[in-house]
Amino acid sequence: MAQSARSTFVDDIVGVDIATPEPAVLAAKWATVLGIEGPEVTEDGALLRFSERDVHFVLPLGRQGLVGVELHASERGDAGQVVELCNTELRLV
C-alpha cells in the first residue's frame, strides 16, 4: 500500500484582496452587511478588519473579484514566496 507524507505549509489565512472599480464603496457595503466598523481608506483602496483578518479592496489591474490571498507560512523561512493559481496571487507571509 502506498503511503504519502503530509506537511503543513500554511496554518492560517491572514487576508484577501478584492479588486473592484470602487473599493471604498464596496468595502462600506460589506461593513454594513457584516455589522462591523466602516473601512479605513488606504493609499490603494480601502481596508476592512474582519475577524482578525484584513480584507483589502483595491482597484483592478485586470480582472475583478478575489485577486490575492495572504497565507501565514507555518515555516517562517517560506515567508515571501508567491505563487499564482487560477489568476489569484497566493502570498506566504
Protein backbone atom coordinates (compact mmCIF):
# COMPACT_ATOMS: atom_id res chain seq x y z
CA MET A 1 0.00 0.00 0.00
CA ALA A 2 1.36 3.42 -0.97
CA GLN A 3 1.91 5.99 1.71
CA SER A 4 2.26 9.70 1.36
CA ALA A 5 3.90 12.27 3.54
CA ARG A 6 1.81 15.16 4.65
CA SER A 7 3.06 18.51 5.81
CA THR A 8 1.53 21.87 6.54
CA PHE A 9 2.94 24.87 4.70
CA VAL A 10 0.17 27.24 5.76
CA ASP A 11 -1.59 27.49 9.08
CA ASP A 12 -3.89 30.48 8.64
CA ILE A 13 -5.47 32.88 6.17
CA VAL A 14 -4.25 36.37 7.04
CA GLY A 15 -6.05 38.46 4.44
CA VAL A 16 -7.52 38.72 0.98
CA ASP A 17 -7.52 41.27 -1.84
CA ILE A 18 -10.76 42.05 -3.68
CA ALA A 19 -10.42 44.07 -6.88
CA THR A 20 -13.29 46.42 -7.68
CA PRO A 21 -13.71 49.71 -9.56
CA GLU A 22 -15.00 51.40 -6.38
CA PRO A 23 -13.03 49.94 -3.44
CA ALA A 24 -14.34 52.31 -0.74
CA VAL A 25 -17.96 51.88 -1.82
CA LEU A 26 -17.81 48.07 -1.84
CA ALA A 27 -15.90 48.00 1.46
CA ALA A 28 -18.56 50.21 3.08
CA LYS A 29 -21.33 47.93 1.80
CA TRP A 30 -19.60 44.87 3.25
CA ALA A 31 -19.04 46.64 6.57
CA THR A 32 -22.78 47.32 6.75
CA VAL A 33 -23.70 43.76 5.80
CA LEU A 34 -21.29 42.31 8.37
CA GLY A 35 -22.20 44.83 11.05
CA ILE A 36 -18.59 45.90 11.58
CA GLU A 37 -16.76 49.22 11.72
CA GLY A 38 -16.52 51.04 8.40
CA PRO A 39 -13.47 50.77 6.14
CA GLU A 40 -10.17 52.52 6.57
CA VAL A 41 -9.20 54.44 3.43
CA THR A 42 -5.78 53.33 2.22
CA GLU A 43 -3.39 54.50 -0.47
CA ASP A 44 -4.56 51.76 -2.83
CA GLY A 45 -8.25 51.48 -1.84
CA ALA A 46 -9.92 50.50 1.42
CA LEU A 47 -9.35 48.07 4.26
CA LEU A 48 -11.78 46.17 6.48
CA ARG A 49 -10.63 44.29 9.54
CA PHE A 50 -12.85 41.25 9.90
CA SER A 51 -12.40 38.51 12.48
CA GLU A 52 -8.69 39.38 12.93
CA ARG A 53 -8.16 39.25 9.17
CA ASP A 54 -7.67 42.02 6.61
CA VAL A 55 -9.90 42.39 3.59
CA HIS A 56 -8.26 44.78 1.12
CA PHE A 57 -10.46 46.35 -1.54
CA VAL A 58 -8.27 47.57 -4.38
CA LEU A 59 -8.62 48.93 -7.89
CA PRO A 60 -8.47 46.21 -10.54
CA LEU A 61 -5.27 45.87 -12.55
CA GLY A 62 -7.01 43.45 -14.89
CA ARG A 63 -9.80 41.30 -13.59
CA GLN A 64 -12.20 41.98 -10.72
CA GLY A 65 -13.03 39.82 -7.71
CA LEU A 66 -10.70 37.79 -5.50
CA VAL A 67 -7.19 38.55 -6.76
CA GLY A 68 -4.96 37.82 -3.77
CA VAL A 69 -4.74 35.75 -0.62
CA GLU A 70 -2.20 36.23 2.18
CA LEU A 71 -1.41 32.96 3.95
CA HIS A 72 0.60 32.59 7.15
CA ALA A 73 3.58 30.34 6.42
CA SER A 74 3.99 27.77 9.19
CA GLU A 75 7.70 27.57 8.34
CA ARG A 76 8.94 31.15 8.65
CA GLY A 77 11.63 30.53 6.03
CA ASP A 78 8.85 30.11 3.44
CA ALA A 79 7.51 33.63 4.05
CA GLY A 80 7.89 35.83 0.99
CA GLN A 81 7.08 33.12 -1.54
CA VAL A 82 4.40 34.00 -4.09
CA VAL A 83 2.56 31.69 -6.45
CA GLU A 84 -0.29 32.34 -8.85
CA LEU A 85 -3.16 29.88 -9.01
CA CYS A 86 -6.24 30.42 -11.18
CA ASN A 87 -5.38 34.11 -11.66
CA THR A 88 -5.14 34.62 -7.91
CA GLU A 89 -1.88 35.55 -6.22
CA LEU A 90 -1.13 33.43 -3.13
CA ARG A 91 1.41 35.13 -0.86
CA LEU A 92 3.09 33.42 2.06
CA VAL A 93 3.61 35.91 4.87
